[in-house]
Amino acid sequence: MKPSIVRMNPSSLPDASAMGYSQISVVEPGRMAYISGQVAWRPGGEPVPEDLVEQMKIATGNAKATLEALGATPHDIVIARCFMTDLTTERLNLIFPPLLAFFDGAQPSVTGVGVAALAAPDLQIELELTVRLPD
């Protein structure tokens, strides 16, 4: 069976696979899900941690819960968009390990966007997903 998402890293572009993502994701026709940005908010209303990495771990945990609710896995993610306040190379390097752990070997397309603010002043990271639902 042909995969529903084909990942590509053309030699004419930087090799994103070395960083754990793909430059291009080609999606076969099927049902799609668009997952709202997941942040470090928890169902019990616990305070948002100040630590950026901890916020990313909570956001990816929330994203994993959305995939599970859909019967999907990280391999079904077409693109992940990561919005971050105070985006720097150093801060990006901090969040990549928990993000790659969440991907579990999948290499979806990824876009990082620096923003002035998110939905609440204590939030530093938000993860939005586009998912091709499994057949």
C-alpha atoms as a PDB file:
ATOM      1  CA  MET A   1       0.000   0.000   0.000  1.00  0.00           C
ATOM      2  CA  LYS A   2       1.274   3.457  -0.924  1.00  0.00           C
ATOM      3  CA  PRO A   3       1.847   5.758   2.085  1.00  0.00           C
ATOM      4  CA  SER A   4      -0.726   8.543   2.516  1.00  0.00           C
ATOM      5  CA  ILE A   5       2.083  11.091   3.092  1.00  0.00           C
ATOM      6  CA  VAL A   6       5.317  11.133   1.102  1.00  0.00           C
ATOM      7  CA  ARG A   7       8.228  13.095   2.628  1.00  0.00           C
ATOM      8  CA  MET A   8      10.756  14.818   0.375  1.00  0.00           C
ATOM      9  CA  ASN A   9      14.063  16.609   0.891  1.00  0.00           C
ATOM     10  CA  PRO A  10      15.285  17.587  -2.597  1.00  0.00           C
ATOM     11  CA  SER A  11      19.048  17.879  -3.003  1.00  0.00           C
ATOM     12  CA  SER A  12      18.515  21.456  -4.240  1.00  0.00           C
ATOM     13  CA  LEU A  13      17.433  22.451  -0.687  1.00  0.00           C
ATOM     14  CA  PRO A  14      19.137  22.113   2.715  1.00  0.00           C
ATOM     15  CA  ASP A  15      18.778  18.560   4.090  1.00  0.00           C
ATOM     16  CA  ALA A  16      16.030  19.042   6.664  1.00  0.00           C
ATOM     17  CA  SER A  17      15.984  15.307   7.444  1.00  0.00           C
ATOM     18  CA  ALA A  18      19.246  15.801   9.341  1.00  0.00           C
ATOM     19  CA  MET A  19      17.309  18.126  11.680  1.00  0.00           C
ATOM     20  CA  GLY A  20      14.333  15.734  11.955  1.00  0.00           C
ATOM     21  CA  TYR A  21      11.789  17.213   9.556  1.00  0.00           C
ATOM     22  CA  SER A  22      11.012  17.355   5.812  1.00  0.00           C
ATOM     23  CA  GLN A  23      11.059  20.215   3.337  1.00  0.00           C
ATOM     24  CA  ILE A  24       7.999  18.825   1.516  1.00  0.00           C
ATOM     25  CA  SER A  25       5.082  16.587   2.499  1.00  0.00           C
ATOM     26  CA  VAL A  26       2.879  15.317  -0.341  1.00  0.00           C
ATOM     27  CA  VAL A  27      -0.551  14.158   0.854  1.00  0.00           C
ATOM     28  CA  GLU A  28      -2.774  11.630  -0.875  1.00  0.00           C
ATOM     29  CA  PRO A  29      -6.489  12.496  -0.915  1.00  0.00           C
ATOM     30  CA  GLY A  30      -8.242  11.763   2.346  1.00  0.00           C
ATOM     31  CA  ARG A  31      -9.818  13.284   5.426  1.00  0.00           C
ATOM     32  CA  MET A  32      -7.855  16.075   7.061  1.00  0.00           C
ATOM     33  CA  ALA A  33      -7.860  17.455  10.588  1.00  0.00           C
ATOM     34  CA  TYR A  34      -6.695  20.929  11.547  1.00  0.00           C
ATOM     35  CA  ILE A  35      -5.645  21.015  15.187  1.00  0.00           C
ATOM     36  CA  SER A  36      -5.774  24.298  17.059  1.00  0.00           C
ATOM     37  CA  GLY A  37      -2.580  25.556  18.623  1.00  0.00           C
ATOM     38  CA  GLN A  38      -1.690  23.529  21.709  1.00  0.00           C
ATOM     39  CA  VAL A  39      -0.031  25.386  24.568  1.00  0.00           C
ATOM     40  CA  ALA A  40       1.090  24.611  28.122  1.00  0.00           C
ATOM     41  CA  TRP A  41      -2.439  24.676  29.533  1.00  0.00           C
ATOM     42  CA  ARG A  42      -3.490  21.529  31.415  1.00  0.00           C
ATOM     43  CA  PRO A  43      -6.965  20.098  32.035  1.00  0.00           C
ATOM     44  CA  GLY A  44      -6.611  20.595  35.809  1.00  0.00           C
ATOM     45  CA  GLY A  45      -5.769  24.287  35.416  1.00  0.00           C
ATOM     46  CA  GLU A  46      -2.300  23.972  36.971  1.00  0.00           C
ATOM     47  CA  PRO A  47      -0.089  27.039  36.514  1.00  0.00           C
ATOM     48  CA  VAL A  48       1.955  27.330  33.330  1.00  0.00           C
ATOM     49  CA  PRO A  49       5.624  26.622  34.093  1.00  0.00           C
ATOM     50  CA  GLU A  50       8.089  29.426  33.368  1.00  0.00           C
ATOM     51  CA  ASP A  51      10.572  27.006  31.759  1.00  0.00           C
ATOM     52  CA  LEU A  52      10.355  26.949  27.935  1.00  0.00           C
ATOM     53  CA  VAL A  53      11.241  23.255  27.631  1.00  0.00           C
ATOM     54  CA  GLU A  54       8.585  22.299  30.195  1.00  0.00           C
ATOM     55  CA  GLN A  55       6.050  24.359  28.254  1.00  0.00           C
ATOM     56  CA  MET A  56       6.995  22.489  25.071  1.00  0.00           C
ATOM     57  CA  LYS A  57       6.639  19.133  26.830  1.00  0.00           C
ATOM     58  CA  ILE A  58       3.117  20.057  27.953  1.00  0.00           C
ATOM     59  CA  ALA A  59       2.177  21.436  24.514  1.00  0.00           C
ATOM     60  CA  THR A  60       3.417  18.264  22.787  1.00  0.00           C
ATOM     61  CA  GLY A  61       1.577  16.171  25.378  1.00  0.00           C
ATOM     62  CA  ASN A  62      -1.599  18.064  24.540  1.00  0.00           C
ATOM     63  CA  ALA A  63      -0.893  17.607  20.819  1.00  0.00           C
ATOM     64  CA  LYS A  64      -0.424  13.866  21.391  1.00  0.00           C
ATOM     65  CA  ALA A  65      -3.820  13.765  23.130  1.00  0.00           C
ATOM     66  CA  THR A  66      -5.437  15.411  20.082  1.00  0.00           C
ATOM     67  CA  LEU A  67      -3.874  12.813  17.788  1.00  0.00           C
ATOM     68  CA  GLU A  68      -5.079   9.992  20.033  1.00  0.00           C
ATOM     69  CA  ALA A  69      -8.604  11.444  19.993  1.00  0.00           C
ATOM     70  CA  LEU A  70      -8.463  11.256  16.189  1.00  0.00           C
ATOM     71  CA  GLY A  71      -7.008   7.745  16.056  1.00  0.00           C
ATOM     72  CA  ALA A  72      -3.888   9.248  14.467  1.00  0.00           C
ATOM     73  CA  THR A  73      -0.159   9.201  15.238  1.00  0.00           C
ATOM     74  CA  PRO A  74       2.699  11.649  14.639  1.00  0.00           C
ATOM     75  CA  HIS A  75       3.284   9.861  11.306  1.00  0.00           C
ATOM     76  CA  ASP A  76      -0.044  11.331  10.138  1.00  0.00           C
ATOM     77  CA  ILE A  77       1.099  14.940  10.710  1.00  0.00           C
ATOM     78  CA  VAL A  78       1.481  16.787   7.421  1.00  0.00           C
ATOM     79  CA  ILE A  79       2.838  20.031   8.886  1.00  0.00           C
ATOM     80  CA  ALA A  80       3.531  21.350  12.359  1.00  0.00           C
ATOM     81  CA  ARG A  81       3.649  25.090  12.964  1.00  0.00           C
ATOM     82  CA  CYS A  82       5.471  26.194  16.070  1.00  0.00           C
ATOM     83  CA  PHE A  83       4.880  29.732  17.305  1.00  0.00           C
ATOM     84  CA  MET A  84       7.376  31.047  19.864  1.00  0.00           C
ATOM     85  CA  THR A  85       7.837  34.307  21.709  1.00  0.00           C
ATOM     86  CA  ASP A  86      11.379  35.697  21.731  1.00  0.00           C
ATOM     87  CA  LEU A  87      12.468  33.304  18.976  1.00  0.00           C
ATOM     88  CA  THR A  88      16.238  32.863  18.908  1.00  0.00           C
ATOM     89  CA  THR A  89      18.474  30.062  17.671  1.00  0.00           C
ATOM     90  CA  GLU A  90      19.285  29.170  21.281  1.00  0.00           C
ATOM     91  CA  ARG A  91      15.622  28.937  22.298  1.00  0.00           C
ATOM     92  CA  LEU A  92      14.795  26.982  19.148  1.00  0.00           C
ATOM     93  CA  ASN A  93      17.559  24.496  19.973  1.00  0.00           C
ATOM     94  CA  LEU A  94      15.980  24.015  23.422  1.00  0.00           C
ATOM     95  CA  ILE A  95      12.540  23.061  22.099  1.00  0.00           C
ATOM     96  CA  PHE A  96      13.671  20.815  19.264  1.00  0.00           C
ATOM     97  CA  PRO A  97      14.491  17.713  21.409  1.00  0.00           C
ATOM     98  CA  PRO A  98      10.975  17.454  22.942  1.00  0.00           C
ATOM     99  CA  LEU A  99       9.444  18.270  19.542  1.00  0.00           C
ATOM    100  CA  LEU A 100      11.431  15.494  17.839  1.00  0.00           C
ATOM    101  CA  ALA A 101      10.533  13.101  20.675  1.00  0.00           C
ATOM    102  CA  PHE A 102       6.862  13.900  20.037  1.00  0.00           C
ATOM    103  CA  PHE A 103       7.329  13.207  16.294  1.00  0.00           C
ATOM    104  CA  ASP A 104       8.553   9.690  17.216  1.00  0.00           C
ATOM    105  CA  GLY A 105      10.635   9.342  14.048  1.00  0.00           C
ATOM    106  CA  ALA A 106       8.074  10.940  11.733  1.00  0.00           C
ATOM    107  CA  GLN A 107       9.520  13.858   9.810  1.00  0.00           C
ATOM    108  CA  PRO A 108       6.599  16.173   8.984  1.00  0.00           C
ATOM    109  CA  SER A 109       7.117  19.556   7.413  1.00  0.00           C
ATOM    110  CA  VAL A 110       7.786  22.152  10.133  1.00  0.00           C
ATOM    111  CA  THR A 111       7.490  25.922  10.230  1.00  0.00           C
ATOM    112  CA  GLY A 112       8.774  28.017  13.141  1.00  0.00           C
ATOM    113  CA  VAL A 113       7.333  31.479  13.631  1.00  0.00           C
ATOM    114  CA  GLY A 114       8.513  34.139  16.055  1.00  0.00           C
ATOM    115  CA  VAL A 115       5.622  36.095  17.551  1.00  0.00           C
ATOM    116  CA  ALA A 116       5.285  39.075  19.880  1.00  0.00           C
ATOM    117  CA  ALA A 117       2.735  37.339  22.106  1.00  0.00           C
ATOM    118  CA  LEU A 118       0.490  34.297  22.425  1.00  0.00           C
ATOM    119  CA  ALA A 119      -2.981  33.881  23.990  1.00  0.00           C
ATOM    120  CA  ALA A 120      -1.788  34.616  27.537  1.00  0.00           C
ATOM    121  CA  PRO A 121       1.249  36.489  28.852  1.00  0.00           C
ATOM    122  CA  ASP A 122       2.778  33.390  30.484  1.00  0.00           C
ATOM    123  CA  LEU A 123       2.764  31.337  27.265  1.00  0.00           C
ATOM    124  CA  GLN A 124       5.980  31.050  25.235  1.00  0.00           C
ATOM    125  CA  ILE A 125       5.190  28.247  22.775  1.00  0.00           C
ATOM    126  CA  GLU A 126       2.221  27.071  20.694  1.00  0.00           C
ATOM    127  CA  LEU A 127       2.053  24.031  18.392  1.00  0.00           C
ATOM    128  CA  GLU A 128      -0.501  23.826  15.575  1.00  0.00           C
ATOM    129  CA  LEU A 129      -0.917  20.682  13.455  1.00  0.00           C
ATOM    130  CA  THR A 130      -2.394  19.694  10.127  1.00  0.00           C
ATOM    131  CA  VAL A 131      -3.061  15.956  10.059  1.00  0.00           C
ATOM    132  CA  ARG A 132      -4.103  13.549   7.317  1.00  0.00           C
ATOM    133  CA  LEU A 133      -6.405  11.112   9.102  1.00  0.00           C
ATOM    134  CA  PRO A 134      -5.636   7.418   8.690  1.00  0.00           C
ATOM    135  CA  ASP A 135      -7.934   5.424   6.394  1.00  0.00           C
END
